[in-house]
Amino acid sequence: MVNPGLILAIALALVHGFATRLPIFSIIPRFRWISFAGGVSLSYVFLEVFPELSHAQEELQHSEIPLMEYLENHVYIMALLGLMVFYGLNLLALRATSPQQSTFSTEHNSRTIFWIQITGFALLNVILGYLLQDLSEHSILDCILFFVSVALHLFIIDDNLREHQSYLYDKLGRWLLVGAIIFGAIIGRLAHLNEAAIALVWSFLAGSIILNVLHRELPNEKENCFGSFVGGAFLFTILLLSM
């Protein structure tokens, strides 16, 4: 029997590889699509990620990992760490493209930060690919809803990365992200961590997802559609609650 986690890994890898080439923005305006994706992703964060963090905290309270007994909110500390790491990457990107920089300096810094961001997201994809092994115990509907929410999340991240360095992203960046998910899925098939360690890894991933959702998928005041945002959040909430 084919492992659902491996199928999801391949499907999500295809999102990185080809989704940005789809003419979706010619059919649906970009700001409406991003607002809708932001609503879906935040719905997933509040209804799936937060409860998962609570469950992970229970796992860690009974773990034998060193130092964990001295930390009261272990899982939330890891989530905070994931959030801070990617917040730092976002700040670097903003400073690299500051109007105060010269044109040459801005371009050089932009390329450097681009590769730093690609490396960071590749690491997340390895973690994501590894954690997909746990989906073998979930229903097909669970897997589909997971794919929809994560695919929208990855699609918007891809669009954001491609916006500033489209040539580098199309030539190398997207394939590194593709390979990272598959690599993580392969590791997940070959090696297995205990539940407490997986809880820590999931917590770091959750923190990064929360930051990226808030920073990248909620458009600014000039590019938003509240109706699309509410529609995405409402529709996906109904789907999650009906599971």
C-alpha atoms as a PDB file:
ATOM      1  CA  MET A   1       0.000   0.000   0.000  1.00  0.00           C
ATOM      2  CA  VAL A   2       1.321   3.423  -0.984  1.00  0.00           C
ATOM      3  CA  ASN A   3       2.057   5.651   1.993  1.00  0.00           C
ATOM      4  CA  PRO A   4      -0.207   8.772   2.021  1.00  0.00           C
ATOM      5  CA  GLY A   5       2.681  10.841   3.367  1.00  0.00           C
ATOM      6  CA  LEU A   6       4.789  10.059   0.301  1.00  0.00           C
ATOM      7  CA  ILE A   7       1.915  10.942  -2.037  1.00  0.00           C
ATOM      8  CA  LEU A   8       1.422  14.253  -0.228  1.00  0.00           C
ATOM      9  CA  ALA A   9       5.152  14.962  -0.390  1.00  0.00           C
ATOM     10  CA  ILE A  10       5.143  14.503  -4.170  1.00  0.00           C
ATOM     11  CA  ALA A  11       1.975  16.612  -4.548  1.00  0.00           C
ATOM     12  CA  LEU A  12       3.396  19.454  -2.435  1.00  0.00           C
ATOM     13  CA  ALA A  13       6.684  19.238  -4.333  1.00  0.00           C
ATOM     14  CA  LEU A  14       4.733  19.750  -7.560  1.00  0.00           C
ATOM     15  CA  VAL A  15       3.249  22.912  -6.043  1.00  0.00           C
ATOM     16  CA  HIS A  16       6.760  24.310  -5.629  1.00  0.00           C
ATOM     17  CA  GLY A  17       7.795  23.150  -9.064  1.00  0.00           C
ATOM     18  CA  PHE A  18       4.937  24.353 -11.217  1.00  0.00           C
ATOM     19  CA  ALA A  19       2.210  26.250  -9.338  1.00  0.00           C
ATOM     20  CA  THR A  20       3.681  29.713  -9.940  1.00  0.00           C
ATOM     21  CA  ARG A  21       3.507  29.058 -13.681  1.00  0.00           C
ATOM     22  CA  LEU A  22      -0.245  28.543 -13.620  1.00  0.00           C
ATOM     23  CA  PRO A  23      -2.215  31.518 -15.026  1.00  0.00           C
ATOM     24  CA  ILE A  24      -4.246  31.768 -11.813  1.00  0.00           C
ATOM     25  CA  PHE A  25      -3.717  35.517 -11.415  1.00  0.00           C
ATOM     26  CA  SER A  26      -5.126  36.148 -14.891  1.00  0.00           C
ATOM     27  CA  ILE A  27      -8.351  34.469 -13.790  1.00  0.00           C
ATOM     28  CA  ILE A  28      -8.568  35.686 -10.194  1.00  0.00           C
ATOM     29  CA  PRO A  29      -6.944  39.025  -9.241  1.00  0.00           C
ATOM     30  CA  ARG A  30      -3.770  38.510  -7.229  1.00  0.00           C
ATOM     31  CA  PHE A  31      -4.971  40.466  -4.178  1.00  0.00           C
ATOM     32  CA  ARG A  32      -8.203  38.436  -3.978  1.00  0.00           C
ATOM     33  CA  TRP A  33      -6.340  35.156  -4.251  1.00  0.00           C
ATOM     34  CA  ILE A  34      -3.814  36.128  -1.554  1.00  0.00           C
ATOM     35  CA  SER A  35      -6.590  37.328   0.760  1.00  0.00           C
ATOM     36  CA  PHE A  36      -8.470  34.054   0.270  1.00  0.00           C
ATOM     37  CA  ALA A  37      -5.310  32.014   0.904  1.00  0.00           C
ATOM     38  CA  GLY A  38      -4.605  34.066   4.019  1.00  0.00           C
ATOM     39  CA  GLY A  39      -8.077  33.297   5.381  1.00  0.00           C
ATOM     40  CA  VAL A  40      -7.672  29.570   4.698  1.00  0.00           C
ATOM     41  CA  SER A  41      -4.208  29.449   6.271  1.00  0.00           C
ATOM     42  CA  LEU A  42      -5.194  31.345   9.408  1.00  0.00           C
ATOM     43  CA  SER A  43      -8.216  29.094   9.811  1.00  0.00           C
ATOM     44  CA  TYR A  44      -5.885  26.111   9.670  1.00  0.00           C
ATOM     45  CA  VAL A  45      -3.503  27.716  12.188  1.00  0.00           C
ATOM     46  CA  PHE A  46      -6.209  28.425  14.773  1.00  0.00           C
ATOM     47  CA  LEU A  47      -8.180  25.190  14.363  1.00  0.00           C
ATOM     48  CA  GLU A  48      -5.384  22.705  13.671  1.00  0.00           C
ATOM     49  CA  VAL A  49      -1.966  24.151  14.597  1.00  0.00           C
ATOM     50  CA  PHE A  50      -2.898  25.525  18.024  1.00  0.00           C
ATOM     51  CA  PRO A  51      -4.654  22.317  19.147  1.00  0.00           C
ATOM     52  CA  GLU A  52      -1.643  20.358  17.863  1.00  0.00           C
ATOM     53  CA  LEU A  53       0.639  22.504  20.014  1.00  0.00           C
ATOM     54  CA  SER A  54      -1.518  21.725  23.041  1.00  0.00           C
ATOM     55  CA  HIS A  55      -1.273  18.010  22.304  1.00  0.00           C
ATOM     56  CA  ALA A  56       2.485  18.291  21.781  1.00  0.00           C
ATOM     57  CA  GLN A  57       2.831  19.978  25.173  1.00  0.00           C
ATOM     58  CA  GLU A  58       1.207  16.967  26.806  1.00  0.00           C
ATOM     59  CA  GLU A  59       3.687  14.678  25.052  1.00  0.00           C
ATOM     60  CA  LEU A  60       6.678  16.695  26.263  1.00  0.00           C
ATOM     61  CA  GLN A  61       5.513  16.776  29.868  1.00  0.00           C
ATOM     62  CA  HIS A  62       6.095  13.021  30.017  1.00  0.00           C
ATOM     63  CA  SER A  63       9.308  12.953  27.969  1.00  0.00           C
ATOM     64  CA  GLU A  64      12.834  12.107  29.077  1.00  0.00           C
ATOM     65  CA  ILE A  65      14.536  14.704  26.885  1.00  0.00           C
ATOM     66  CA  PRO A  66      17.248  16.545  28.907  1.00  0.00           C
ATOM     67  CA  LEU A  67      16.286  19.991  30.289  1.00  0.00           C
ATOM     68  CA  MET A  68      12.631  19.562  29.338  1.00  0.00           C
ATOM     69  CA  GLU A  69      11.620  19.045  32.963  1.00  0.00           C
ATOM     70  CA  TYR A  70      12.921  22.528  33.806  1.00  0.00           C
ATOM     71  CA  LEU A  71      10.862  24.266  31.126  1.00  0.00           C
ATOM     72  CA  GLU A  72       7.201  24.814  31.863  1.00  0.00           C
ATOM     73  CA  ASN A  73       6.000  25.560  28.328  1.00  0.00           C
ATOM     74  CA  HIS A  74       8.465  23.588  26.226  1.00  0.00           C
ATOM     75  CA  VAL A  75       6.419  23.338  23.065  1.00  0.00           C
ATOM     76  CA  TYR A  76       5.530  27.024  22.999  1.00  0.00           C
ATOM     77  CA  ILE A  77       9.178  27.968  23.455  1.00  0.00           C
ATOM     78  CA  MET A  78      10.041  25.970  20.335  1.00  0.00           C
ATOM     79  CA  ALA A  79       7.161  27.580  18.466  1.00  0.00           C
ATOM     80  CA  LEU A  80       8.424  31.001  19.564  1.00  0.00           C
ATOM     81  CA  LEU A  81      11.909  30.072  18.380  1.00  0.00           C
ATOM     82  CA  GLY A  82      10.569  29.101  14.960  1.00  0.00           C
ATOM     83  CA  LEU A  83       8.678  32.366  14.757  1.00  0.00           C
ATOM     84  CA  MET A  84      11.723  34.441  15.764  1.00  0.00           C
ATOM     85  CA  VAL A  85      14.059  32.723  13.295  1.00  0.00           C
ATOM     86  CA  PHE A  86      11.844  33.533  10.326  1.00  0.00           C
ATOM     87  CA  TYR A  87      11.054  36.986  11.635  1.00  0.00           C
ATOM     88  CA  GLY A  88      14.788  37.608  11.574  1.00  0.00           C
ATOM     89  CA  LEU A  89      14.991  36.411   7.972  1.00  0.00           C
ATOM     90  CA  ASN A  90      12.176  38.777   7.029  1.00  0.00           C
ATOM     91  CA  LEU A  91      13.960  41.716   8.661  1.00  0.00           C
ATOM     92  CA  LEU A  92      17.134  40.884   6.741  1.00  0.00           C
ATOM     93  CA  ALA A  93      15.164  40.868   3.495  1.00  0.00           C
ATOM     94  CA  LEU A  94      13.616  44.267   4.256  1.00  0.00           C
ATOM     95  CA  ARG A  95      16.977  45.848   5.100  1.00  0.00           C
ATOM     96  CA  ALA A  96      18.619  44.384   2.003  1.00  0.00           C
ATOM     97  CA  THR A  97      16.097  46.146  -0.244  1.00  0.00           C
ATOM     98  CA  SER A  98      16.129  49.442   1.658  1.00  0.00           C
ATOM     99  CA  PRO A  99      15.905  52.553  -0.596  1.00  0.00           C
ATOM    100  CA  GLN A 100      18.971  53.919   1.196  1.00  0.00           C
ATOM    101  CA  GLN A 101      21.147  51.220  -0.395  1.00  0.00           C
ATOM    102  CA  SER A 102      22.878  51.814  -3.742  1.00  0.00           C
ATOM    103  CA  THR A 103      21.542  49.928  -6.758  1.00  0.00           C
ATOM    104  CA  PHE A 104      24.511  47.554  -6.862  1.00  0.00           C
ATOM    105  CA  SER A 105      24.485  47.033  -3.124  1.00  0.00           C
ATOM    106  CA  THR A 106      20.747  46.442  -3.126  1.00  0.00           C
ATOM    107  CA  GLU A 107      20.979  43.819  -5.869  1.00  0.00           C
ATOM    108  CA  HIS A 108      23.888  42.048  -4.186  1.00  0.00           C
ATOM    109  CA  ASN A 109      22.171  42.036  -0.809  1.00  0.00           C
ATOM    110  CA  SER A 110      18.906  40.952  -2.387  1.00  0.00           C
ATOM    111  CA  ARG A 111      20.564  37.885  -3.924  1.00  0.00           C
ATOM    112  CA  THR A 112      22.268  37.028  -0.640  1.00  0.00           C
ATOM    113  CA  ILE A 113      19.058  37.309   1.354  1.00  0.00           C
ATOM    114  CA  PHE A 114      17.210  35.334  -1.308  1.00  0.00           C
ATOM    115  CA  TRP A 115      19.526  32.373  -0.804  1.00  0.00           C
ATOM    116  CA  ILE A 116      19.281  32.706   2.961  1.00  0.00           C
ATOM    117  CA  GLN A 117      15.488  32.588   2.679  1.00  0.00           C
ATOM    118  CA  ILE A 118      15.614  29.636   0.282  1.00  0.00           C
ATOM    119  CA  THR A 119      17.849  27.795   2.748  1.00  0.00           C
ATOM    120  CA  GLY A 120      15.433  28.548   5.588  1.00  0.00           C
ATOM    121  CA  PHE A 121      12.384  27.385   3.649  1.00  0.00           C
ATOM    122  CA  ALA A 122      14.271  24.311   2.420  1.00  0.00           C
ATOM    123  CA  LEU A 123      14.893  23.407   6.061  1.00  0.00           C
ATOM    124  CA  LEU A 124      11.189  23.829   6.765  1.00  0.00           C
ATOM    125  CA  ASN A 125      10.353  21.633   3.800  1.00  0.00           C
ATOM    126  CA  VAL A 126      12.643  18.881   5.082  1.00  0.00           C
ATOM    127  CA  ILE A 127      10.825  19.077   8.431  1.00  0.00           C
ATOM    128  CA  LEU A 128       7.446  19.137   6.684  1.00  0.00           C
ATOM    129  CA  GLY A 129       8.350  16.175   4.498  1.00  0.00           C
ATOM    130  CA  TYR A 130       9.478  14.218   7.536  1.00  0.00           C
ATOM    131  CA  LEU A 131       6.298  14.936   9.499  1.00  0.00           C
ATOM    132  CA  LEU A 132       4.135  13.746   6.599  1.00  0.00           C
ATOM    133  CA  GLN A 133       4.803  10.186   7.769  1.00  0.00           C
ATOM    134  CA  ASP A 134       2.280  10.720  10.572  1.00  0.00           C
ATOM    135  CA  LEU A 135      -0.545  11.230   8.071  1.00  0.00           C
ATOM    136  CA  SER A 136      -0.670   7.513   7.333  1.00  0.00           C
ATOM    137  CA  GLU A 137      -3.009   7.192  10.330  1.00  0.00           C
ATOM    138  CA  HIS A 138      -5.402   9.914   9.114  1.00  0.00           C
ATOM    139  CA  SER A 139      -8.409   9.681   6.832  1.00  0.00           C
ATOM    140  CA  ILE A 140      -8.365  10.648   3.167  1.00  0.00           C
ATOM    141  CA  LEU A 141     -10.443  13.750   3.968  1.00  0.00           C
ATOM    142  CA  ASP A 142      -7.897  14.824   6.583  1.00  0.00           C
ATOM    143  CA  CYS A 143      -5.119  14.437   4.036  1.00  0.00           C
ATOM    144  CA  ILE A 144      -7.008  16.433   1.403  1.00  0.00           C
ATOM    145  CA  LEU A 145      -7.738  19.324   3.763  1.00  0.00           C
ATOM    146  CA  PHE A 146      -4.127  19.299   4.929  1.00  0.00           C
ATOM    147  CA  PHE A 147      -2.927  19.408   1.340  1.00  0.00           C
ATOM    148  CA  VAL A 148      -5.221  22.306   0.420  1.00  0.00           C
ATOM    149  CA  SER A 149      -4.137  24.457   3.366  1.00  0.00           C
ATOM    150  CA  VAL A 150      -0.411  23.738   3.017  1.00  0.00           C
ATOM    151  CA  ALA A 151      -0.469  24.017  -0.795  1.00  0.00           C
ATOM    152  CA  LEU A 152      -2.015  27.496  -0.568  1.00  0.00           C
ATOM    153  CA  HIS A 153       0.588  28.412   2.034  1.00  0.00           C
ATOM    154  CA  LEU A 154       3.451  27.212  -0.207  1.00  0.00           C
ATOM    155  CA  PHE A 155       1.960  28.816  -3.299  1.00  0.00           C
ATOM    156  CA  ILE A 156       1.922  32.274  -1.750  1.00  0.00           C
ATOM    157  CA  ILE A 157       5.455  31.836  -0.378  1.00  0.00           C
ATOM    158  CA  ASP A 158       6.616  30.789  -3.860  1.00  0.00           C
ATOM    159  CA  ASP A 159       4.982  33.841  -5.394  1.00  0.00           C
ATOM    160  CA  ASN A 160       6.652  36.092  -2.827  1.00  0.00           C
ATOM    161  CA  LEU A 161      10.113  34.588  -3.416  1.00  0.00           C
ATOM    162  CA  ARG A 162       9.696  34.759  -7.178  1.00  0.00           C
ATOM    163  CA  GLU A 163       8.587  38.398  -7.091  1.00  0.00           C
ATOM    164  CA  HIS A 164      12.069  39.731  -6.250  1.00  0.00           C
ATOM    165  CA  GLN A 165      14.368  37.114  -7.816  1.00  0.00           C
ATOM    166  CA  SER A 166      12.315  35.374 -10.495  1.00  0.00           C
ATOM    167  CA  TYR A 167      15.313  34.157 -12.530  1.00  0.00           C
ATOM    168  CA  LEU A 168      17.121  32.611  -9.562  1.00  0.00           C
ATOM    169  CA  TYR A 169      13.923  31.118  -8.214  1.00  0.00           C
ATOM    170  CA  ASP A 170      12.853  29.556 -11.529  1.00  0.00           C
ATOM    171  CA  LYS A 171      16.325  28.223 -12.313  1.00  0.00           C
ATOM    172  CA  LEU A 172      17.423  26.854  -8.927  1.00  0.00           C
ATOM    173  CA  GLY A 173      15.367  28.010  -5.957  1.00  0.00           C
ATOM    174  CA  ARG A 174      12.152  26.122  -6.652  1.00  0.00           C
ATOM    175  CA  TRP A 175      14.001  22.869  -7.357  1.00  0.00           C
ATOM    176  CA  LEU A 176      15.837  23.111  -4.036  1.00  0.00           C
ATOM    177  CA  LEU A 177      12.457  23.429  -2.302  1.00  0.00           C
ATOM    178  CA  VAL A 178      11.114  20.491  -4.311  1.00  0.00           C
ATOM    179  CA  GLY A 179      14.081  18.324  -3.382  1.00  0.00           C
ATOM    180  CA  ALA A 180      13.848  19.348   0.279  1.00  0.00           C
ATOM    181  CA  ILE A 181      10.282  18.015   0.667  1.00  0.00           C
ATOM    182  CA  ILE A 182      11.125  14.715  -1.042  1.00  0.00           C
ATOM    183  CA  PHE A 183      14.313  14.386   1.006  1.00  0.00           C
ATOM    184  CA  GLY A 184      12.366  14.943   4.218  1.00  0.00           C
ATOM    185  CA  ALA A 185       9.793  12.333   3.201  1.00  0.00           C
ATOM    186  CA  ILE A 186      12.545   9.796   2.491  1.00  0.00           C
ATOM    187  CA  ILE A 187      14.115  10.440   5.905  1.00  0.00           C
ATOM    188  CA  GLY A 188      10.681   9.974   7.450  1.00  0.00           C
ATOM    189  CA  ARG A 189      10.428   6.531   5.848  1.00  0.00           C
ATOM    190  CA  LEU A 190      13.887   5.459   6.987  1.00  0.00           C
ATOM    191  CA  ALA A 191      14.230   6.980  10.459  1.00  0.00           C
ATOM    192  CA  HIS A 192      11.709   7.564  13.210  1.00  0.00           C
ATOM    193  CA  LEU A 193      11.997   9.893  16.203  1.00  0.00           C
ATOM    194  CA  ASN A 194      10.109   9.340  19.422  1.00  0.00           C
ATOM    195  CA  GLU A 195       6.878  11.244  19.997  1.00  0.00           C
ATOM    196  CA  ALA A 196       8.470  13.871  22.255  1.00  0.00           C
ATOM    197  CA  ALA A 197      11.161  14.737  19.692  1.00  0.00           C
ATOM    198  CA  ILE A 198       8.548  14.908  16.917  1.00  0.00           C
ATOM    199  CA  ALA A 199       6.516  17.253  19.125  1.00  0.00           C
ATOM    200  CA  LEU A 200       9.509  19.605  19.373  1.00  0.00           C
ATOM    201  CA  VAL A 201      10.087  19.535  15.609  1.00  0.00           C
ATOM    202  CA  TRP A 202       6.385  20.114  14.927  1.00  0.00           C
ATOM    203  CA  SER A 203       6.365  23.051  17.351  1.00  0.00           C
ATOM    204  CA  PHE A 204       9.236  24.774  15.541  1.00  0.00           C
ATOM    205  CA  LEU A 205       7.440  24.245  12.232  1.00  0.00           C
ATOM    206  CA  ALA A 206       4.190  25.595  13.691  1.00  0.00           C
ATOM    207  CA  GLY A 207       5.886  28.780  14.887  1.00  0.00           C
ATOM    208  CA  SER A 208       7.359  29.421  11.456  1.00  0.00           C
ATOM    209  CA  ILE A 209       3.994  28.789   9.782  1.00  0.00           C
ATOM    210  CA  ILE A 210       2.265  31.289  12.069  1.00  0.00           C
ATOM    211  CA  LEU A 211       4.838  33.985  11.248  1.00  0.00           C
ATOM    212  CA  ASN A 212       4.747  33.323   7.509  1.00  0.00           C
ATOM    213  CA  VAL A 213       0.960  33.332   7.449  1.00  0.00           C
ATOM    214  CA  LEU A 214       0.750  36.676   9.236  1.00  0.00           C
ATOM    215  CA  HIS A 215       3.617  38.283   7.322  1.00  0.00           C
ATOM    216  CA  ARG A 216       3.203  36.964   3.788  1.00  0.00           C
ATOM    217  CA  GLU A 217      -0.399  35.939   3.336  1.00  0.00           C
ATOM    218  CA  LEU A 218      -2.197  38.883   4.936  1.00  0.00           C
ATOM    219  CA  PRO A 219      -1.877  41.590   2.278  1.00  0.00           C
ATOM    220  CA  ASN A 220      -1.187  45.205   3.184  1.00  0.00           C
ATOM    221  CA  GLU A 221      -3.801  47.916   3.233  1.00  0.00           C
ATOM    222  CA  LYS A 222      -3.337  48.644  -0.493  1.00  0.00           C
ATOM    223  CA  GLU A 223      -3.825  45.036  -1.590  1.00  0.00           C
ATOM    224  CA  ASN A 224      -6.598  43.369   0.302  1.00  0.00           C
ATOM    225  CA  CYS A 225     -10.081  42.009  -0.077  1.00  0.00           C
ATOM    226  CA  PHE A 226     -11.814  41.510   3.240  1.00  0.00           C
ATOM    227  CA  GLY A 227     -14.611  39.541   1.606  1.00  0.00           C
ATOM    228  CA  SER A 228     -12.160  37.049   0.089  1.00  0.00           C
ATOM    229  CA  PHE A 229     -10.312  36.770   3.402  1.00  0.00           C
ATOM    230  CA  VAL A 230     -13.500  36.107   5.376  1.00  0.00           C
ATOM    231  CA  GLY A 231     -14.746  33.737   2.675  1.00  0.00           C
ATOM    232  CA  GLY A 232     -11.555  31.670   2.806  1.00  0.00           C
ATOM    233  CA  ALA A 233     -11.539  31.556   6.613  1.00  0.00           C
ATOM    234  CA  PHE A 234     -15.266  30.741   6.849  1.00  0.00           C
ATOM    235  CA  LEU A 235     -15.229  28.054   4.146  1.00  0.00           C
ATOM    236  CA  PHE A 236     -12.213  26.257   5.543  1.00  0.00           C
ATOM    237  CA  THR A 237     -13.492  26.535   9.115  1.00  0.00           C
ATOM    238  CA  ILE A 238     -16.728  24.828   8.082  1.00  0.00           C
ATOM    239  CA  LEU A 239     -14.751  22.075   6.383  1.00  0.00           C
ATOM    240  CA  LEU A 240     -12.522  21.512   9.412  1.00  0.00           C
ATOM    241  CA  LEU A 241     -15.414  21.486  11.882  1.00  0.00           C
ATOM    242  CA  SER A 242     -17.348  19.014   9.753  1.00  0.00           C
ATOM    243  CA  MET A 243     -14.545  16.435   9.851  1.00  0.00           C
END
